[in-house]
Amino acid sequence: MNYRFFWSILTMSLFLMACSTTTNTNPTQIIGTDEWHLTQLNGTVITTPVVTMQLTDTTIGGQGFCNSYHGPLTIAGNTITLDNLASTRKMCVEDGVMQQEQAYFAALTATTHVALSGTQLHLLDASNTVVLVFEK
């Protein structure tokens, strides 16, 4: 076997995989009874606490890092708007939890597009940066 050919094919394959982008999804495809569980916030892996999100035709709701939340959801074409969120007002004393929750709510309200990739849901901001990743 020609090793030079093998390494060329391997390098090209890795390059093409690295250049692939997440394709935006029509937001209506994520509406339903499914509960999504947060796995990444601004690139940081989240394992605990369990942060959830559920979407209906017109609302978003779930459990944040400390407080439950809800708010309106607006879909226009391929864009999604999640703003004017309301939440309970519990104060969580664990180190950094309130900062994580504020970052989570900020990422939700920055979301303009969504993309599905297998069982993962990516929420993207206006510059197509993935700000949140959820799984079913």
N, C-alpha and C. Protein backbone atom coordinates (compact mmCIF):
# COMPACT_ATOMS: atom_id res chain seq x y z
N MET A 1 0.85 -1.19 0.00
CA MET A 1 0.00 0.00 0.00
C MET A 1 0.89 1.24 0.00
N ASN A 2 0.46 2.22 -0.72
CA ASN A 2 1.21 3.46 -0.81
C ASN A 2 0.84 4.34 0.38
N TYR A 3 1.79 4.48 1.33
CA TYR A 3 1.52 5.24 2.56
C TYR A 3 1.30 6.73 2.30
N ARG A 4 1.98 7.25 1.30
CA ARG A 4 1.81 8.65 0.97
C ARG A 4 0.36 8.92 0.54
N PHE A 5 -0.19 8.01 -0.27
CA PHE A 5 -1.58 8.13 -0.70
C PHE A 5 -2.51 8.03 0.51
N PHE A 6 -2.28 7.06 1.39
CA PHE A 6 -3.10 6.88 2.59
C PHE A 6 -3.11 8.14 3.44
N TRP A 7 -1.94 8.72 3.71
CA TRP A 7 -1.86 9.92 4.54
C TRP A 7 -2.50 11.12 3.86
N SER A 8 -2.41 11.18 2.55
CA SER A 8 -3.05 12.27 1.81
C SER A 8 -4.58 12.18 1.95
N ILE A 9 -5.11 10.99 1.80
CA ILE A 9 -6.56 10.80 1.94
C ILE A 9 -7.01 11.10 3.36
N LEU A 10 -6.25 10.62 4.35
CA LEU A 10 -6.59 10.86 5.75
C LEU A 10 -6.57 12.35 6.07
N THR A 11 -5.54 13.05 5.62
CA THR A 11 -5.42 14.48 5.87
C THR A 11 -6.58 15.23 5.21
N MET A 12 -6.91 14.89 3.99
CA MET A 12 -8.01 15.54 3.28
C MET A 12 -9.34 15.28 3.99
N SER A 13 -9.55 14.08 4.47
CA SER A 13 -10.79 13.75 5.19
C SER A 13 -10.91 14.56 6.47
N LEU A 14 -9.84 14.64 7.22
CA LEU A 14 -9.86 15.42 8.46
C LEU A 14 -10.09 16.90 8.17
N PHE A 15 -9.49 17.40 7.12
CA PHE A 15 -9.68 18.80 6.75
C PHE A 15 -11.14 19.07 6.40
N LEU A 16 -11.75 18.20 5.61
CA LEU A 16 -13.15 18.39 5.23
C LEU A 16 -14.08 18.29 6.42
N MET A 17 -13.79 17.40 7.36
CA MET A 17 -14.61 17.30 8.57
C MET A 17 -14.49 18.57 9.41
N ALA A 18 -13.29 19.12 9.50
CA ALA A 18 -13.08 20.33 10.30
C ALA A 18 -13.77 21.53 9.68
N CYS A 19 -13.91 21.54 8.37
CA CYS A 19 -14.51 22.68 7.69
C CYS A 19 -16.03 22.60 7.63
N SER A 20 -16.60 21.47 8.01
CA SER A 20 -18.05 21.36 7.94
C SER A 20 -18.70 22.31 8.93
N THR A 21 -19.84 22.83 8.56
CA THR A 21 -20.56 23.75 9.43
C THR A 21 -21.91 23.17 9.76
N THR A 22 -22.48 23.66 10.83
CA THR A 22 -23.81 23.24 11.23
C THR A 22 -24.81 24.00 10.36
N THR A 23 -25.75 23.26 9.76
CA THR A 23 -26.74 23.87 8.90
C THR A 23 -27.92 24.34 9.73
N ASN A 24 -28.33 25.57 9.50
CA ASN A 24 -29.47 26.11 10.23
C ASN A 24 -30.72 25.30 9.90
N THR A 25 -31.57 25.17 10.90
CA THR A 25 -32.81 24.41 10.82
C THR A 25 -33.98 25.36 10.97
N ASN A 26 -35.08 25.05 10.31
CA ASN A 26 -36.28 25.84 10.52
C ASN A 26 -36.71 25.64 11.96
N PRO A 27 -36.87 26.70 12.74
CA PRO A 27 -37.18 26.57 14.16
C PRO A 27 -38.46 25.78 14.46
N THR A 28 -39.40 25.74 13.52
CA THR A 28 -40.63 25.00 13.79
C THR A 28 -40.37 23.51 13.98
N GLN A 29 -39.23 23.01 13.52
CA GLN A 29 -38.89 21.60 13.67
C GLN A 29 -38.55 21.22 15.12
N ILE A 30 -38.28 22.18 15.98
CA ILE A 30 -37.90 21.86 17.36
C ILE A 30 -39.04 22.07 18.34
N ILE A 31 -40.19 22.51 17.84
CA ILE A 31 -41.35 22.75 18.69
C ILE A 31 -41.97 21.40 19.05
N GLY A 32 -42.36 21.25 20.30
CA GLY A 32 -43.03 20.02 20.69
C GLY A 32 -42.91 19.75 22.18
N THR A 33 -43.17 18.53 22.54
CA THR A 33 -43.19 18.15 23.95
C THR A 33 -41.83 17.70 24.47
N ASP A 34 -40.85 17.62 23.60
CA ASP A 34 -39.52 17.16 24.03
C ASP A 34 -38.90 18.12 25.02
N GLU A 35 -38.26 17.56 26.02
CA GLU A 35 -37.49 18.35 26.97
C GLU A 35 -36.03 18.25 26.56
N TRP A 36 -35.42 19.40 26.33
CA TRP A 36 -34.02 19.46 25.94
C TRP A 36 -33.18 19.70 27.19
N HIS A 37 -32.02 19.03 27.27
CA HIS A 37 -31.11 19.16 28.41
C HIS A 37 -29.83 19.84 27.95
N LEU A 38 -29.44 20.90 28.64
CA LEU A 38 -28.25 21.67 28.29
C LEU A 38 -26.99 20.84 28.48
N THR A 39 -26.12 20.83 27.45
CA THR A 39 -24.83 20.13 27.55
C THR A 39 -23.65 21.09 27.40
N GLN A 40 -23.87 22.26 26.76
CA GLN A 40 -22.79 23.23 26.60
C GLN A 40 -23.35 24.65 26.67
N LEU A 41 -22.61 25.50 27.35
CA LEU A 41 -22.94 26.93 27.47
C LEU A 41 -21.71 27.71 27.04
N ASN A 42 -21.81 28.41 25.92
CA ASN A 42 -20.69 29.18 25.38
C ASN A 42 -19.41 28.35 25.30
N GLY A 43 -19.55 27.11 24.85
CA GLY A 43 -18.40 26.22 24.66
C GLY A 43 -17.96 25.45 25.88
N THR A 44 -18.55 25.71 27.05
CA THR A 44 -18.19 25.00 28.29
C THR A 44 -19.18 23.86 28.51
N VAL A 45 -18.66 22.67 28.74
CA VAL A 45 -19.50 21.50 28.98
C VAL A 45 -20.20 21.65 30.32
N ILE A 46 -21.49 21.36 30.33
CA ILE A 46 -22.33 21.45 31.53
C ILE A 46 -22.84 20.05 31.85
N THR A 47 -22.56 19.59 33.07
CA THR A 47 -23.06 18.28 33.48
C THR A 47 -24.06 18.40 34.63
N THR A 48 -23.83 19.32 35.53
CA THR A 48 -24.77 19.56 36.63
C THR A 48 -24.83 21.05 36.88
N PRO A 49 -25.92 21.56 37.33
CA PRO A 49 -27.19 20.89 37.52
C PRO A 49 -27.86 20.63 36.17
N VAL A 50 -28.97 19.89 36.18
CA VAL A 50 -29.70 19.63 34.94
C VAL A 50 -30.48 20.89 34.58
N VAL A 51 -30.12 21.48 33.44
CA VAL A 51 -30.78 22.67 32.92
C VAL A 51 -31.63 22.22 31.75
N THR A 52 -32.90 22.61 31.75
CA THR A 52 -33.83 22.12 30.72
C THR A 52 -34.47 23.26 29.94
N MET A 53 -35.02 22.87 28.79
CA MET A 53 -35.74 23.81 27.95
C MET A 53 -36.84 23.05 27.22
N GLN A 54 -38.04 23.63 27.19
CA GLN A 54 -39.15 23.10 26.40
C GLN A 54 -39.73 24.23 25.58
N LEU A 55 -40.15 23.91 24.35
CA LEU A 55 -40.66 24.92 23.44
C LEU A 55 -42.04 24.53 22.94
N THR A 56 -42.96 25.48 22.96
CA THR A 56 -44.26 25.29 22.33
C THR A 56 -44.32 26.23 21.13
N ASP A 57 -45.46 26.34 20.51
CA ASP A 57 -45.59 27.23 19.36
C ASP A 57 -45.27 28.67 19.69
N THR A 58 -45.54 29.07 20.94
CA THR A 58 -45.39 30.49 21.28
C THR A 58 -44.61 30.75 22.56
N THR A 59 -44.16 29.70 23.25
CA THR A 59 -43.47 29.92 24.53
C THR A 59 -42.24 29.05 24.68
N ILE A 60 -41.37 29.50 25.56
CA ILE A 60 -40.20 28.74 25.99
C ILE A 60 -40.31 28.64 27.51
N GLY A 61 -39.84 27.54 28.06
CA GLY A 61 -39.84 27.39 29.51
C GLY A 61 -38.86 26.30 29.91
N GLY A 62 -38.55 26.26 31.20
CA GLY A 62 -37.65 25.22 31.67
C GLY A 62 -37.07 25.55 33.02
N GLN A 63 -36.04 24.80 33.36
CA GLN A 63 -35.33 24.97 34.62
C GLN A 63 -33.92 25.45 34.31
N GLY A 64 -33.55 26.61 34.86
CA GLY A 64 -32.20 27.12 34.68
C GLY A 64 -31.25 26.50 35.69
N PHE A 65 -30.14 27.13 35.93
CA PHE A 65 -29.15 26.64 36.89
C PHE A 65 -29.69 26.69 38.31
N CYS A 66 -30.62 27.61 38.57
CA CYS A 66 -31.16 27.80 39.90
C CYS A 66 -32.66 28.04 39.88
N ASN A 67 -33.15 28.76 38.90
CA ASN A 67 -34.54 29.18 38.84
C ASN A 67 -35.24 28.62 37.61
N SER A 68 -36.55 28.45 37.72
CA SER A 68 -37.34 28.10 36.55
C SER A 68 -37.60 29.38 35.76
N TYR A 69 -37.86 29.24 34.47
CA TYR A 69 -38.05 30.40 33.61
C TYR A 69 -39.11 30.11 32.55
N HIS A 70 -39.61 31.16 31.96
CA HIS A 70 -40.54 31.06 30.84
C HIS A 70 -40.55 32.40 30.10
N GLY A 71 -41.09 32.36 28.90
CA GLY A 71 -41.17 33.58 28.12
C GLY A 71 -41.74 33.32 26.75
N PRO A 72 -41.92 34.38 25.99
CA PRO A 72 -42.47 34.23 24.64
C PRO A 72 -41.42 33.72 23.66
N LEU A 73 -41.90 33.03 22.66
CA LEU A 73 -41.06 32.53 21.57
C LEU A 73 -41.68 33.02 20.28
N THR A 74 -40.88 33.63 19.42
CA THR A 74 -41.38 34.13 18.15
C THR A 74 -40.55 33.52 17.03
N ILE A 75 -41.24 32.97 16.05
CA ILE A 75 -40.57 32.41 14.88
C ILE A 75 -41.01 33.20 13.67
N ALA A 76 -40.02 33.69 12.90
CA ALA A 76 -40.29 34.41 11.65
C ALA A 76 -39.36 33.84 10.59
N GLY A 77 -39.91 33.03 9.71
CA GLY A 77 -39.07 32.38 8.71
C GLY A 77 -38.12 31.40 9.39
N ASN A 78 -36.83 31.61 9.18
CA ASN A 78 -35.82 30.75 9.79
C ASN A 78 -35.17 31.36 11.01
N THR A 79 -35.74 32.43 11.54
CA THR A 79 -35.18 33.04 12.74
C THR A 79 -36.09 32.78 13.93
N ILE A 80 -35.48 32.80 15.10
CA ILE A 80 -36.20 32.57 16.35
C ILE A 80 -35.81 33.67 17.32
N THR A 81 -36.78 34.14 18.07
CA THR A 81 -36.52 35.18 19.07
C THR A 81 -36.99 34.67 20.42
N LEU A 82 -36.09 34.71 21.39
CA LEU A 82 -36.38 34.29 22.77
C LEU A 82 -36.01 35.45 23.68
N ASP A 83 -36.93 36.38 23.87
CA ASP A 83 -36.61 37.52 24.73
C ASP A 83 -37.72 37.74 25.73
N ASN A 84 -37.53 38.72 26.58
CA ASN A 84 -38.48 39.02 27.65
C ASN A 84 -38.72 37.82 28.56
N LEU A 85 -37.64 37.11 28.88
CA LEU A 85 -37.76 35.95 29.76
C LEU A 85 -38.03 36.38 31.19
N ALA A 86 -38.86 35.61 31.87
CA ALA A 86 -39.13 35.83 33.29
C ALA A 86 -38.68 34.59 34.05
N SER A 87 -38.24 34.78 35.27
CA SER A 87 -37.81 33.62 36.06
C SER A 87 -38.19 33.82 37.51
N THR A 88 -38.17 32.72 38.24
CA THR A 88 -38.34 32.83 39.68
C THR A 88 -37.13 33.57 40.21
N ARG A 89 -37.15 33.99 41.45
CA ARG A 89 -36.09 34.85 41.98
C ARG A 89 -35.33 34.22 43.15
N LYS A 90 -35.15 32.90 43.12
CA LYS A 90 -34.39 32.26 44.19
C LYS A 90 -32.93 32.68 44.10
N MET A 91 -32.30 32.82 45.24
CA MET A 91 -30.88 33.11 45.29
C MET A 91 -30.15 31.82 45.61
N CYS A 92 -29.33 31.39 44.72
CA CYS A 92 -28.57 30.15 44.94
C CYS A 92 -27.18 30.53 45.44
N VAL A 93 -26.77 29.92 46.52
CA VAL A 93 -25.53 30.32 47.17
C VAL A 93 -24.31 29.53 46.69
N GLU A 94 -24.51 28.46 45.92
CA GLU A 94 -23.36 27.70 45.43
C GLU A 94 -22.49 28.61 44.57
N ASP A 95 -21.20 28.44 44.70
CA ASP A 95 -20.24 29.28 43.99
C ASP A 95 -20.45 29.28 42.48
N GLY A 96 -20.66 30.44 41.89
CA GLY A 96 -20.73 30.60 40.45
C GLY A 96 -22.07 30.28 39.80
N VAL A 97 -23.02 29.75 40.56
CA VAL A 97 -24.29 29.32 39.96
C VAL A 97 -25.06 30.51 39.39
N MET A 98 -25.13 31.59 40.11
CA MET A 98 -25.89 32.75 39.63
C MET A 98 -25.24 33.34 38.37
N GLN A 99 -23.91 33.32 38.30
CA GLN A 99 -23.21 33.82 37.10
C GLN A 99 -23.51 32.92 35.90
N GLN A 100 -23.52 31.59 36.14
CA GLN A 100 -23.84 30.66 35.06
C GLN A 100 -25.27 30.90 34.56
N GLU A 101 -26.17 31.10 35.49
CA GLU A 101 -27.56 31.32 35.11
C GLU A 101 -27.70 32.60 34.30
N GLN A 102 -27.04 33.67 34.72
CA GLN A 102 -27.09 34.92 33.96
C GLN A 102 -26.53 34.72 32.55
N ALA A 103 -25.44 33.98 32.44
CA ALA A 103 -24.85 33.69 31.12
C ALA A 103 -25.81 32.85 30.27
N TYR A 104 -26.50 31.91 30.90
CA TYR A 104 -27.48 31.07 30.20
C TYR A 104 -28.62 31.92 29.65
N PHE A 105 -29.20 32.77 30.49
CA PHE A 105 -30.30 33.63 30.03
C PHE A 105 -29.83 34.59 28.94
N ALA A 106 -28.62 35.10 29.06
CA ALA A 106 -28.07 35.99 28.03
C ALA A 106 -27.91 35.24 26.71
N ALA A 107 -27.44 33.99 26.77
CA ALA A 107 -27.28 33.18 25.56
C ALA A 107 -28.64 32.87 24.92
N LEU A 108 -29.64 32.58 25.75
CA LEU A 108 -30.98 32.33 25.21
C LEU A 108 -31.48 33.55 24.45
N THR A 109 -31.35 34.73 25.06
CA THR A 109 -31.88 35.93 24.42
C THR A 109 -31.05 36.37 23.21
N ALA A 110 -29.81 35.90 23.12
CA ALA A 110 -28.97 36.21 21.96
C ALA A 110 -29.26 35.28 20.77
N THR A 111 -30.01 34.22 21.01
CA THR A 111 -30.27 33.22 19.98
C THR A 111 -31.11 33.79 18.84
N THR A 112 -30.66 33.52 17.61
CA THR A 112 -31.41 33.95 16.44
C THR A 112 -31.71 32.78 15.49
N HIS A 113 -30.93 31.71 15.59
CA HIS A 113 -31.08 30.56 14.70
C HIS A 113 -30.88 29.27 15.49
N VAL A 114 -31.42 28.18 14.96
CA VAL A 114 -31.21 26.87 15.57
C VAL A 114 -30.72 25.91 14.51
N ALA A 115 -30.04 24.86 14.96
CA ALA A 115 -29.58 23.82 14.05
C ALA A 115 -29.66 22.48 14.77
N LEU A 116 -30.17 21.47 14.06
CA LEU A 116 -30.22 20.12 14.60
C LEU A 116 -29.07 19.32 14.03
N SER A 117 -28.44 18.52 14.88
CA SER A 117 -27.37 17.63 14.46
C SER A 117 -27.55 16.33 15.23
N GLY A 118 -28.25 15.38 14.63
CA GLY A 118 -28.57 14.13 15.33
C GLY A 118 -29.50 14.43 16.49
N THR A 119 -29.09 14.07 17.72
CA THR A 119 -29.92 14.33 18.90
C THR A 119 -29.55 15.65 19.56
N GLN A 120 -28.64 16.40 18.94
CA GLN A 120 -28.22 17.68 19.51
C GLN A 120 -28.95 18.85 18.86
N LEU A 121 -29.29 19.82 19.69
CA LEU A 121 -29.88 21.07 19.24
C LEU A 121 -28.88 22.18 19.54
N HIS A 122 -28.47 22.91 18.51
CA HIS A 122 -27.53 24.02 18.65
C HIS A 122 -28.32 25.32 18.53
N LEU A 123 -28.12 26.21 19.49
CA LEU A 123 -28.70 27.55 19.41
C LEU A 123 -27.57 28.50 19.04
N LEU A 124 -27.78 29.29 17.98
CA LEU A 124 -26.75 30.15 17.43
C LEU A 124 -27.17 31.61 17.55
N ASP A 125 -26.17 32.48 17.69
CA ASP A 125 -26.45 33.91 17.74
C ASP A 125 -26.41 34.50 16.34
N ALA A 126 -26.52 35.81 16.23
CA ALA A 126 -26.58 36.49 14.93
C ALA A 126 -25.33 36.29 14.09
N SER A 127 -24.19 36.01 14.71
CA SER A 127 -22.96 35.78 13.94
C SER A 127 -22.73 34.29 13.69
N ASN A 128 -23.77 33.48 13.87
CA ASN A 128 -23.73 32.02 13.67
C ASN A 128 -22.76 31.32 14.61
N THR A 129 -22.52 31.88 15.78
CA THR A 129 -21.72 31.22 16.81
C THR A 129 -22.64 30.40 17.68
N VAL A 130 -22.26 29.15 17.92
CA VAL A 130 -23.06 28.28 18.79
C VAL A 130 -22.90 28.78 20.22
N VAL A 131 -24.01 29.17 20.84
CA VAL A 131 -23.98 29.67 22.22
C VAL A 131 -24.49 28.63 23.20
N LEU A 132 -25.38 27.75 22.75
CA LEU A 132 -25.93 26.72 23.62
C LEU A 132 -26.08 25.41 22.83
N VAL A 133 -25.82 24.30 23.50
CA VAL A 133 -26.05 22.98 22.91
C VAL A 133 -26.91 22.18 23.88
N PHE A 134 -27.98 21.60 23.34
CA PHE A 134 -28.90 20.78 24.14
C PHE A 134 -28.96 19.39 23.53
N GLU A 135 -29.37 18.42 24.34
CA GLU A 135 -29.67 17.07 23.85
C GLU A 135 -31.01 16.63 24.40
N LYS A 136 -31.65 15.72 23.69
CA LYS A 136 -32.92 15.17 24.17
C LYS A 136 -32.65 14.17 25.26
